[in-house]
């Protein structure tokens, strides 16, 4: 299984495989066609409270990751994402972030990638 992460604003490509939007809110200013996603799992996105606290501040990422993982433990959304990852050889997690590597998508990729 291969898990990629990408901004929703990056152009889709064949290598993306199955494209999963993981934001709770629809990306501002984009149409459904522009995002080119296969499924939108808004339930796997961070809560409004956590998003407002984090606001993409790199100095808060470690604390965000810890809090986000706690949120995911309480719901079923991660199970849906794990099922999708098992069913598709390549999955791209889409996030509306300027820094996808410091976002919920990076946390989700780490949770989905098996340890060696």
Protein backbone atom coordinates (compact mmCIF):
# COMPACT_ATOMS: atom_id res chain seq x y z
CA UNK A 1 0.00 0.00 0.00
CA UNK A 2 1.23 3.47 -0.89
CA UNK A 3 -0.13 6.57 0.84
CA UNK A 4 0.56 10.01 -0.65
CA UNK A 5 -0.54 13.39 0.64
CA UNK A 6 -1.29 16.35 -1.55
CA UNK A 7 -2.90 19.77 -1.46
CA UNK A 8 -6.36 19.89 -3.01
CA UNK A 9 -5.02 22.76 -5.11
CA UNK A 10 -2.39 20.56 -6.79
CA UNK A 11 -3.37 19.07 -10.13
CA UNK A 12 -4.48 15.44 -10.04
CA UNK A 13 -2.37 12.83 -11.81
CA UNK A 14 -2.60 9.14 -12.63
CA UNK A 15 -0.12 8.22 -9.88
CA UNK A 16 -2.50 9.56 -7.21
CA UNK A 17 -4.60 6.40 -7.26
CA UNK A 18 -7.73 6.70 -5.10
CA UNK A 19 -8.12 10.32 -3.96
CA UNK A 20 -9.61 10.94 -0.50
CA UNK A 21 -10.47 14.42 0.74
CA UNK A 22 -9.84 14.42 4.51
CA UNK A 23 -10.98 17.94 5.44
CA UNK A 24 -14.10 18.43 7.55
CA UNK A 25 -14.97 21.59 5.59
CA UNK A 26 -15.16 21.87 1.82
CA UNK A 27 -12.12 23.76 0.43
CA UNK A 28 -13.04 27.40 -0.02
CA UNK A 29 -13.35 28.58 -3.60
CA UNK A 30 -13.10 25.15 -5.24
CA UNK A 31 -15.73 23.22 -7.14
CA UNK A 32 -16.20 19.48 -6.78
CA UNK A 33 -14.72 19.01 -10.25
CA UNK A 34 -11.61 21.04 -9.34
CA UNK A 35 -10.86 18.84 -6.34
CA UNK A 36 -11.17 15.66 -8.42
CA UNK A 37 -11.71 13.38 -5.43
CA UNK A 38 -13.10 9.86 -5.27
CA UNK A 39 -14.54 10.20 -1.76
CA UNK A 40 -14.88 12.88 0.90
CA UNK A 41 -14.39 11.55 4.44
CA UNK A 42 -15.23 14.70 6.36
CA UNK A 43 -15.66 12.73 9.59
CA UNK A 44 -11.92 12.00 9.64
CA UNK A 45 -11.11 15.73 9.69
CA UNK A 46 -10.11 17.52 12.87
CA UNK A 47 -12.87 19.05 14.99
CA UNK A 48 -13.68 22.72 14.61
CA UNK A 49 -12.25 23.46 18.03
CA UNK A 50 -8.94 21.77 17.19
CA UNK A 51 -8.73 23.42 13.75
CA UNK A 52 -9.31 26.88 15.23
CA UNK A 53 -6.67 26.26 17.92
CA UNK A 54 -4.05 24.96 15.45
CA UNK A 55 -4.60 27.42 12.55
CA UNK A 56 -1.68 25.82 10.71
CA UNK A 57 0.88 27.18 13.20
CA UNK A 58 4.03 25.04 12.75
CA UNK A 59 5.04 25.60 16.38
CA UNK A 60 1.82 23.84 17.47
CA UNK A 61 2.06 20.84 15.14
CA UNK A 62 3.34 18.33 17.71
CA UNK A 63 0.55 19.24 20.14
CA UNK A 64 -1.95 19.21 17.26
CA UNK A 65 -0.84 15.72 16.26
CA UNK A 66 -1.29 14.43 19.81
CA UNK A 67 -4.76 15.99 20.17
CA UNK A 68 -5.84 14.88 16.70
CA UNK A 69 -4.83 11.27 17.39
CA UNK A 70 -6.94 11.41 20.57
CA UNK A 71 -9.93 12.63 18.56
CA UNK A 72 -9.50 9.83 16.02
CA UNK A 73 -9.50 7.19 18.77
CA UNK A 74 -13.04 8.23 19.71
CA UNK A 75 -14.68 7.70 16.31
CA UNK A 76 -15.28 5.29 13.45
CA UNK A 77 -13.92 7.50 10.67
CA UNK A 78 -10.39 6.12 10.87
CA UNK A 79 -11.78 2.61 10.34
CA UNK A 80 -13.38 3.79 7.07
CA UNK A 81 -10.08 5.26 5.91
CA UNK A 82 -8.20 2.07 6.83
CA UNK A 83 -10.69 0.03 4.80
CA UNK A 84 -10.14 2.29 1.78
CA UNK A 85 -6.36 1.98 2.16
CA UNK A 86 -6.62 -1.84 2.22
CA UNK A 87 -8.84 -1.87 -0.89
CA UNK A 88 -6.61 0.37 -3.04
CA UNK A 89 -2.92 -0.06 -3.81
CA UNK A 90 -2.36 3.70 -3.91
CA UNK A 91 -4.27 6.33 -1.94
CA UNK A 92 -3.73 10.08 -1.96
CA UNK A 93 -4.99 12.04 1.03
CA UNK A 94 -6.12 15.49 -0.04
CA UNK A 95 -6.03 18.42 2.35
CA UNK A 96 -6.62 22.15 1.94
CA UNK A 97 -3.30 23.25 3.41
CA UNK A 98 -0.30 25.20 2.22
CA UNK A 99 1.89 22.69 4.04
CA UNK A 100 0.40 19.21 3.58
CA UNK A 101 3.40 17.65 5.37
CA UNK A 102 2.39 19.55 8.54
CA UNK A 103 -1.30 18.82 8.46
CA UNK A 104 -3.84 16.20 9.46
CA UNK A 105 -3.03 14.34 6.23
CA UNK A 106 0.53 13.68 7.47
CA UNK A 107 -0.85 12.34 10.77
CA UNK A 108 -3.29 10.10 8.91
CA UNK A 109 -0.57 8.81 6.57
CA UNK A 110 1.53 7.85 9.59
CA UNK A 111 -1.43 6.02 11.13
CA UNK A 112 -2.14 4.13 7.90
CA UNK A 113 1.43 3.18 7.06
CA UNK A 114 2.40 -0.12 8.66
CA UNK A 115 5.54 -0.20 10.77
CA UNK A 116 8.48 -2.08 9.20
